[in-house]
Amino acid sequence: MTLLLDAVGMSLVFPILPGLLRELAGADATSTHYGALLAVYAAMQFLFSPVLGALSDRFGRRPVLLASLAGAAADYLLMALAPSLAWLYLGRVLSGITGASMAVGTAYITDVSPEADRAKRYGQMGAAMGLGFVVGPLIGGALGEWSLRAPFVAAAVMNALNLGLAWRALPESNQNRTAKLDASKLNAFSSLHRLQGRPPLLPLVGVYAVVCLVSQVPAALWILYGQDRYGWSAWVAGLSLACYGGLHAVSQAFVTGPMVARLGERRALLAGMAADGLGFLLMGMATAAWMPFALLPLFAAGGLTLPALQAVLARQVDEQRQGELQGMLASLASLIGIAGPLVVTAAFAATRLSWPGSVWITAAVVYLTALPLLFSRRARGA
């Protein structure tokens, strides 16, 4: 529930951010600043995810989560009152720092879940986040019709309510806290080199990086591609995004657990990658506006990939280092998220007239690079 409310509060602001940028920076600079704000947010998550993860290993998950929620509430209030573009950038810096608490939330779920149930719990976490990212933009869009500042106020209120819920109902989960805090664990750039576990860890982290890289394509291109390629209206584009998120939420909440129990984590991971890759390939060849809607079940089945992979990864390190692991993974995803949208949109702009679907097909091919890592000698021991 905490993660659901966090996602709603975070995504409330998406529909009105371009309008607020036009108000503060002018129409000509809107797209430039929009991309820059996304990059700033991802950069802060990259830098601070391992920090919060390591702090939660030392001091516990609960205090780090509470501090992050309090900071997020204050941050959104700051952005609601932002008198200039510089203040908005400051708000996004703080928002990226507090948003890095996702690593702590994942570590919390790892703490309270038996190994056999972790993939199912990660799926439920993904479903909560997916539902939040469906509901948030709908509420933000409605409030934005009244005032461009109102969604920021609503996000601040949402995080304040989230703080109250966590304060009253969220017990500490980390009963094996480390004796001291190693300052080297706070360096995002050294986290991958530093973190050690069982031999399969490094190739599995490589698979995780490939999955994160491929996921940048729908994240950055879904609305832009639909409107340019199929002439979607804003309403149809929003509906498609809501359906995309909703089906992902249903898949991760109700399909991931039974599928992992039936197939095992590795086979479920492969099934999710195959469904996602096929969806990307067919999306690249789709020529009619209804076809992406028909492909949504494949993308939803692809939602198996990340929870199954997270469950395999979590088994590679001991219980005292789960926060460090999740912080490193979140940091890696954020690092990819800094450049990923810029590369994807630039590639689409370069090919939209000659072969508009090539970006989707390229993403399906990139998925294949994960297979040598997954079936390497080291990874087969996972």
Protein backbone atom coordinates (compact mmCIF):
# COMPACT_ATOMS: atom_id res chain seq x y z
CA MET A 1 0.00 0.00 0.00
CA THR A 2 2.90 2.35 0.74
CA LEU A 3 4.41 1.71 -2.69
CA LEU A 4 1.00 2.16 -4.37
CA LEU A 5 0.49 5.57 -2.77
CA ASP A 6 4.08 6.49 -3.60
CA ALA A 7 3.48 5.70 -7.28
CA VAL A 8 0.21 7.65 -7.35
CA GLY A 9 1.89 10.69 -5.80
CA MET A 10 4.85 10.47 -8.19
CA SER A 11 2.78 10.09 -11.37
CA LEU A 12 0.19 12.75 -10.50
CA VAL A 13 2.46 15.41 -11.95
CA PHE A 14 3.17 13.81 -15.34
CA PRO A 15 0.20 15.25 -17.28
CA ILE A 16 0.80 18.86 -16.23
CA LEU A 17 4.59 19.10 -16.28
CA PRO A 18 4.76 20.27 -19.94
CA GLY A 19 2.17 22.97 -19.23
CA LEU A 20 4.04 24.18 -16.17
CA LEU A 21 7.26 24.31 -18.20
CA ARG A 22 5.55 26.43 -20.84
CA GLU A 23 4.51 28.78 -18.07
CA LEU A 24 7.99 29.03 -16.55
CA ALA A 25 10.30 28.62 -19.56
CA GLY A 26 8.26 29.40 -22.66
CA ALA A 27 6.90 27.14 -25.38
CA ASP A 28 10.13 26.94 -27.40
CA ALA A 29 12.15 25.47 -24.52
CA THR A 30 9.53 23.06 -23.18
CA SER A 31 10.79 19.86 -24.81
CA THR A 32 14.43 20.59 -23.88
CA HIS A 33 13.63 21.19 -20.23
CA TYR A 34 11.21 18.25 -20.11
CA GLY A 35 13.99 15.86 -21.17
CA ALA A 36 16.45 17.53 -18.83
CA LEU A 37 14.11 17.17 -15.86
CA LEU A 38 13.69 13.45 -16.61
CA ALA A 39 17.46 13.07 -16.78
CA VAL A 40 17.98 14.98 -13.51
CA TYR A 41 15.48 12.74 -11.74
CA ALA A 42 17.13 9.56 -13.06
CA ALA A 43 20.59 10.87 -12.18
CA MET A 44 19.57 11.50 -8.57
CA GLN A 45 18.09 8.02 -8.34
CA PHE A 46 21.33 6.58 -9.71
CA LEU A 47 23.43 8.41 -7.13
CA PHE A 48 21.21 7.90 -4.09
CA SER A 49 19.64 4.44 -4.51
CA PRO A 50 22.77 2.68 -3.17
CA VAL A 51 23.05 5.29 -0.39
CA LEU A 52 19.52 4.64 0.88
CA GLY A 53 19.93 0.88 0.39
CA ALA A 54 23.14 0.81 2.44
CA LEU A 55 21.64 3.07 5.12
CA SER A 56 18.68 0.70 5.42
CA ASP A 57 21.08 -2.23 5.92
CA ARG A 58 22.74 -0.34 8.77
CA PHE A 59 19.86 1.50 10.47
CA GLY A 60 16.78 -0.41 9.28
CA ARG A 61 14.25 -0.09 6.47
CA ARG A 62 11.59 1.78 8.47
CA PRO A 63 13.52 4.99 9.37
CA VAL A 64 14.86 5.36 5.82
CA LEU A 65 11.39 4.93 4.32
CA LEU A 66 9.85 7.40 6.77
CA ALA A 67 12.54 10.00 6.06
CA SER A 68 12.06 9.55 2.30
CA LEU A 69 8.29 9.97 2.52
CA ALA A 70 8.61 13.09 4.67
CA GLY A 71 11.13 14.53 2.22
CA ALA A 72 8.86 13.74 -0.74
CA ALA A 73 5.90 15.54 0.85
CA ALA A 74 8.01 18.66 1.45
CA ASP A 75 9.50 18.43 -2.04
CA TYR A 76 6.15 18.36 -3.87
CA LEU A 77 4.96 21.32 -1.82
CA LEU A 78 8.12 23.16 -2.90
CA MET A 79 7.36 22.42 -6.57
CA ALA A 80 3.75 23.56 -6.13
CA LEU A 81 5.04 26.96 -5.00
CA ALA A 82 8.01 27.13 -7.42
CA PRO A 83 8.28 30.73 -8.66
CA SER A 84 10.91 29.98 -11.30
CA LEU A 85 12.43 27.22 -13.42
CA ALA A 86 15.42 26.92 -11.09
CA TRP A 87 13.13 26.05 -8.19
CA LEU A 88 11.46 23.39 -10.33
CA TYR A 89 14.85 21.83 -11.05
CA LEU A 90 15.65 21.89 -7.34
CA GLY A 91 12.36 20.14 -6.70
CA ARG A 92 13.18 17.42 -9.23
CA VAL A 93 16.59 16.91 -7.61
CA LEU A 94 14.95 16.36 -4.22
CA SER A 95 12.23 14.23 -5.81
CA GLY A 96 14.84 11.95 -7.37
CA ILE A 97 16.62 11.57 -4.03
CA THR A 98 13.45 10.68 -2.11
CA GLY A 99 12.22 8.48 -4.97
CA ALA A 100 15.34 6.35 -4.55
CA SER A 101 13.51 4.72 -1.61
CA MET A 102 12.15 2.12 -4.06
CA ALA A 103 15.33 0.12 -3.42
CA VAL A 104 14.52 0.15 0.30
CA GLY A 105 10.95 -0.96 -0.40
CA THR A 106 12.21 -3.88 -2.48
CA ALA A 107 14.66 -4.84 0.28
CA TYR A 108 11.79 -4.68 2.80
CA ILE A 109 9.74 -7.13 0.73
CA THR A 110 12.78 -9.39 0.47
CA ASP A 111 13.13 -9.32 4.28
CA VAL A 112 9.56 -10.44 4.95
CA SER A 113 9.20 -12.99 2.12
CA PRO A 114 10.34 -16.62 2.18
CA GLU A 115 12.53 -17.46 -0.83
CA ALA A 116 9.76 -19.49 -2.46
CA ASP A 117 7.35 -16.51 -2.33
CA ARG A 118 9.69 -13.71 -3.39
CA ALA A 119 8.86 -13.74 -7.12
CA LYS A 120 5.16 -13.56 -6.26
CA ARG A 121 5.74 -10.69 -3.81
CA TYR A 122 7.89 -8.82 -6.33
CA GLY A 123 5.05 -9.26 -8.80
CA GLN A 124 2.58 -7.83 -6.29
CA MET A 125 4.94 -4.89 -5.73
CA GLY A 126 5.10 -4.32 -9.48
CA ALA A 127 1.31 -4.53 -9.65
CA ALA A 128 0.93 -1.90 -6.93
CA MET A 129 3.32 0.41 -8.75
CA GLY A 130 1.60 -0.26 -12.07
CA LEU A 131 -1.80 0.54 -10.61
CA GLY A 132 -0.40 3.73 -9.11
CA PHE A 133 0.95 4.80 -12.49
CA VAL A 134 -2.50 4.23 -14.02
CA VAL A 135 -4.47 6.11 -11.36
CA GLY A 136 -1.98 8.94 -10.81
CA PRO A 137 -2.00 10.46 -14.31
CA LEU A 138 -5.80 10.27 -14.46
CA ILE A 139 -6.12 12.24 -11.21
CA GLY A 140 -3.31 14.61 -12.19
CA GLY A 141 -4.89 15.31 -15.57
CA ALA A 142 -8.25 16.10 -13.99
CA LEU A 143 -6.71 18.41 -11.38
CA GLY A 144 -4.54 20.03 -14.05
CA GLU A 145 -7.67 21.24 -15.83
CA TRP A 146 -8.34 23.36 -12.76
CA SER A 147 -4.78 24.45 -11.92
CA LEU A 148 -1.29 23.44 -13.06
CA ARG A 149 -0.11 23.62 -9.45
CA ALA A 150 -2.91 21.51 -7.98
CA PRO A 151 -1.38 18.08 -8.83
CA PHE A 152 1.79 19.02 -6.92
CA VAL A 153 -0.30 19.90 -3.87
CA ALA A 154 -2.18 16.60 -4.26
CA ALA A 155 1.13 14.73 -4.50
CA ALA A 156 2.33 16.41 -1.30
CA VAL A 157 -0.89 15.41 0.46
CA MET A 158 -0.59 11.86 -0.90
CA ASN A 159 2.94 11.51 0.46
CA ALA A 160 1.89 12.98 3.82
CA LEU A 161 -0.89 10.37 4.04
CA ASN A 162 1.63 7.73 2.99
CA LEU A 163 3.94 8.87 5.79
CA GLY A 164 1.11 8.56 8.30
CA LEU A 165 0.23 5.07 7.07
CA ALA A 166 3.84 3.89 7.24
CA TRP A 167 4.36 5.47 10.68
CA ARG A 168 1.39 3.61 12.13
CA ALA A 169 1.36 0.33 10.23
CA LEU A 170 4.87 -0.46 8.94
CA PRO A 171 7.10 -2.36 11.41
CA GLU A 172 10.84 -2.72 11.01
CA SER A 173 11.70 -5.72 8.79
CA ASN A 174 15.51 -5.79 8.93
CA GLN A 175 16.39 -7.81 12.02
CA ASN A 176 19.98 -8.46 10.88
CA ARG A 177 21.34 -4.93 10.62
CA THR A 178 25.05 -4.51 9.89
CA ALA A 179 27.27 -3.44 12.75
CA LYS A 180 28.75 -0.43 10.97
CA LEU A 181 28.31 1.62 7.83
CA ASP A 182 31.04 1.26 5.23
CA ALA A 183 31.45 4.63 3.47
CA SER A 184 32.48 2.88 0.25
CA LYS A 185 28.95 1.48 -0.02
CA LEU A 186 27.63 5.00 -0.61
CA ASN A 187 29.44 5.34 -3.96
CA ALA A 188 27.05 4.58 -6.80
CA PHE A 189 29.84 4.13 -9.33
CA SER A 190 31.60 1.44 -7.33
CA SER A 191 28.50 -0.49 -6.24
CA LEU A 192 28.60 -3.04 -9.07
CA HIS A 193 32.32 -3.70 -8.59
CA ARG A 194 32.01 -3.88 -4.81
CA LEU A 195 28.95 -6.08 -4.36
CA GLN A 196 29.88 -9.74 -4.19
CA GLY A 197 27.76 -12.80 -3.84
CA ARG A 198 27.51 -16.21 -5.44
CA PRO A 199 29.25 -16.67 -8.84
CA PRO A 200 26.03 -16.23 -10.89
CA LEU A 201 25.52 -12.68 -9.59
CA LEU A 202 27.48 -10.73 -12.21
CA PRO A 203 26.00 -12.34 -15.36
CA LEU A 204 22.51 -12.05 -13.83
CA VAL A 205 23.12 -8.35 -13.23
CA GLY A 206 24.01 -8.18 -16.93
CA VAL A 207 20.64 -9.74 -17.78
CA TYR A 208 18.99 -7.16 -15.52
CA ALA A 209 20.77 -4.36 -17.41
CA VAL A 210 19.53 -5.72 -20.76
CA VAL A 211 15.95 -5.93 -19.46
CA CYS A 212 16.15 -2.34 -18.17
CA LEU A 213 17.60 -1.13 -21.48
CA VAL A 214 14.85 -2.76 -23.54
CA SER A 215 12.16 -1.37 -21.23
CA GLN A 216 13.22 2.16 -22.19
CA VAL A 217 11.54 1.72 -25.58
CA PRO A 218 7.90 1.52 -24.43
CA ALA A 219 8.58 3.91 -21.55
CA ALA A 220 9.86 6.65 -23.87
CA LEU A 221 8.11 5.85 -27.14
CA TRP A 222 4.63 4.44 -26.51
CA ILE A 223 2.68 7.71 -26.65
CA LEU A 224 4.95 9.43 -29.18
CA TYR A 225 4.90 6.41 -31.53
CA GLY A 226 1.14 5.91 -31.25
CA GLN A 227 0.36 9.51 -32.07
CA ASP A 228 2.88 9.78 -34.91
CA ARG A 229 2.37 6.35 -36.47
CA TYR A 230 -1.35 5.77 -35.92
CA GLY A 231 -2.72 9.24 -35.37
CA TRP A 232 -3.96 8.51 -31.84
CA SER A 233 -5.79 11.35 -30.16
CA ALA A 234 -4.71 12.38 -26.67
CA TRP A 235 -7.66 10.45 -25.23
CA VAL A 236 -6.81 7.24 -27.13
CA ALA A 237 -3.14 7.62 -26.19
CA GLY A 238 -4.04 8.02 -22.52
CA LEU A 239 -6.43 5.06 -22.70
CA SER A 240 -3.72 2.89 -24.25
CA LEU A 241 -1.29 3.83 -21.48
CA ALA A 242 -3.88 3.07 -18.80
CA CYS A 243 -4.60 -0.32 -20.43
CA TYR A 244 -0.87 -1.03 -20.66
CA GLY A 245 -0.32 -0.29 -16.97
CA GLY A 246 -3.53 -2.00 -15.87
CA LEU A 247 -2.78 -5.26 -17.67
CA HIS A 248 0.76 -5.23 -16.29
CA ALA A 249 -0.65 -4.78 -12.80
CA VAL A 250 -3.09 -7.67 -13.21
CA SER A 251 -0.36 -9.89 -14.66
CA GLN A 252 2.09 -9.18 -11.87
CA ALA A 253 -0.53 -9.51 -9.12
CA PHE A 254 -2.27 -12.70 -10.24
CA VAL A 255 -0.14 -14.44 -12.87
CA THR A 256 3.46 -14.11 -11.69
CA GLY A 257 3.12 -16.17 -8.50
CA PRO A 258 1.32 -19.19 -10.07
CA MET A 259 3.57 -19.14 -13.16
CA VAL A 260 6.77 -19.09 -11.11
CA ALA A 261 5.42 -21.88 -8.89
CA ARG A 262 4.58 -23.92 -11.98
CA LEU A 263 7.62 -23.20 -14.16
CA GLY A 264 10.30 -22.18 -11.68
CA GLU A 265 12.06 -18.83 -11.65
CA ARG A 266 14.38 -19.38 -14.62
CA ARG A 267 11.71 -20.75 -16.96
CA ALA A 268 9.30 -18.02 -15.92
CA LEU A 269 12.03 -15.49 -16.70
CA LEU A 270 12.53 -16.99 -20.16
CA ALA A 271 8.77 -17.09 -20.81
CA GLY A 272 8.46 -13.41 -19.88
CA MET A 273 11.37 -12.43 -22.11
CA ALA A 274 9.94 -14.43 -25.01
CA ALA A 275 6.50 -12.81 -24.68
CA ASP A 276 7.98 -9.35 -24.38
CA GLY A 277 10.36 -9.88 -27.31
CA LEU A 278 7.54 -11.18 -29.53
CA GLY A 279 5.44 -8.17 -28.57
CA PHE A 280 8.26 -5.80 -29.56
CA LEU A 281 8.74 -7.60 -32.89
CA LEU A 282 5.04 -7.47 -33.78
CA MET A 283 4.77 -3.86 -32.60
CA GLY A 284 7.48 -2.96 -35.10
CA MET A 285 5.40 -4.49 -37.90
CA ALA A 286 1.96 -3.24 -36.76
CA THR A 287 0.31 -0.96 -39.33
CA ALA A 288 -3.16 -0.24 -37.90
CA ALA A 289 -4.16 1.79 -34.83
CA TRP A 290 -5.92 -1.16 -33.15
CA MET A 291 -2.94 -3.51 -33.37
CA PRO A 292 -1.01 -2.17 -30.35
CA PHE A 293 -4.11 -2.79 -28.23
CA ALA A 294 -4.21 -6.40 -29.47
CA LEU A 295 -0.56 -6.82 -28.46
CA LEU A 296 -1.09 -5.64 -24.86
CA PRO A 297 -1.57 -9.21 -23.50
CA LEU A 298 1.90 -10.11 -24.79
CA PHE A 299 3.43 -7.09 -23.05
CA ALA A 300 1.50 -8.01 -19.90
CA ALA A 301 2.92 -11.55 -20.04
CA GLY A 302 6.32 -9.91 -20.34
CA GLY A 303 5.68 -8.58 -16.84
CA LEU A 304 6.87 -11.99 -15.59
CA THR A 305 10.44 -11.08 -16.49
CA LEU A 306 11.48 -8.65 -13.79
CA PRO A 307 9.91 -10.32 -10.71
CA ALA A 308 11.37 -13.71 -11.68
CA LEU A 309 14.78 -12.15 -12.30
CA GLN A 310 14.69 -10.22 -9.00
CA ALA A 311 13.91 -13.45 -7.15
CA VAL A 312 16.91 -15.20 -8.75
CA LEU A 313 19.15 -12.23 -7.97
CA ALA A 314 18.02 -12.02 -4.33
CA ARG A 315 19.22 -15.58 -3.74
CA GLN A 316 22.78 -14.66 -4.73
CA VAL A 317 23.57 -12.53 -1.65
CA ASP A 318 23.04 -13.05 2.07
CA GLU A 319 20.19 -11.49 4.02
CA GLN A 320 22.37 -8.75 5.53
CA ARG A 321 23.15 -7.29 2.10
CA GLN A 322 19.73 -7.24 0.44
CA GLY A 323 19.46 -3.47 0.79
CA GLU A 324 22.85 -3.04 -0.87
CA LEU A 325 21.84 -5.37 -3.71
CA GLN A 326 18.50 -3.64 -4.33
CA GLY A 327 20.19 -0.24 -4.12
CA MET A 328 22.73 -1.29 -6.73
CA LEU A 329 19.99 -2.64 -9.04
CA ALA A 330 17.90 0.51 -8.67
CA SER A 331 20.99 2.62 -9.28
CA LEU A 332 21.82 0.66 -12.44
CA ALA A 333 18.25 1.04 -13.71
CA SER A 334 18.41 4.78 -13.06
CA LEU A 335 21.77 5.07 -14.86
CA ILE A 336 20.24 3.41 -17.91
CA GLY A 337 17.21 5.66 -17.49
CA ILE A 338 19.34 8.80 -17.87
CA ALA A 339 20.45 8.11 -21.44
CA GLY A 340 17.87 5.51 -22.51
CA PRO A 341 14.96 7.85 -23.38
CA LEU A 342 17.29 10.23 -25.21
CA VAL A 343 18.75 7.41 -27.33
CA VAL A 344 15.34 5.85 -28.05
CA THR A 345 13.66 9.08 -29.13
CA ALA A 346 16.69 10.10 -31.22
CA ALA A 347 16.67 6.70 -32.98
CA PHE A 348 12.96 7.03 -33.70
CA ALA A 349 13.41 10.55 -35.07
CA ALA A 350 16.14 9.27 -37.42
CA THR A 351 14.05 6.36 -38.75
CA ARG A 352 10.43 7.57 -38.51
CA LEU A 353 10.17 8.34 -42.23
CA SER A 354 12.16 5.41 -43.60
CA TRP A 355 11.27 2.57 -41.17
CA PRO A 356 9.30 3.77 -38.12
CA GLY A 357 9.05 0.34 -36.51
CA SER A 358 12.77 -0.34 -36.54
CA VAL A 359 13.29 0.83 -32.94
CA TRP A 360 10.86 -1.82 -31.66
CA ILE A 361 12.47 -4.57 -33.76
CA THR A 362 15.93 -3.50 -32.59
CA ALA A 363 14.73 -3.79 -28.97
CA ALA A 364 13.58 -7.38 -29.64
CA VAL A 365 17.04 -8.17 -31.04
CA VAL A 366 18.73 -6.58 -28.01
CA TYR A 367 16.78 -9.02 -25.80
CA LEU A 368 18.73 -11.85 -27.46
CA THR A 369 21.97 -10.51 -25.95
CA ALA A 370 20.71 -11.57 -22.53
CA LEU A 371 20.65 -15.26 -23.50
CA PRO A 372 24.44 -15.85 -23.53
CA LEU A 373 24.60 -14.24 -20.07
CA LEU A 374 21.69 -16.28 -18.74
CA PHE A 375 23.11 -19.56 -20.05
CA SER A 376 26.75 -18.86 -19.21
CA ARG A 377 28.58 -21.35 -17.04
CA ARG A 378 28.50 -19.00 -14.03
CA ALA A 379 24.78 -18.18 -14.35
CA ARG A 380 23.71 -21.81 -14.66
CA GLY A 381 24.53 -22.22 -10.97
CA ALA A 382 21.74 -19.81 -9.97
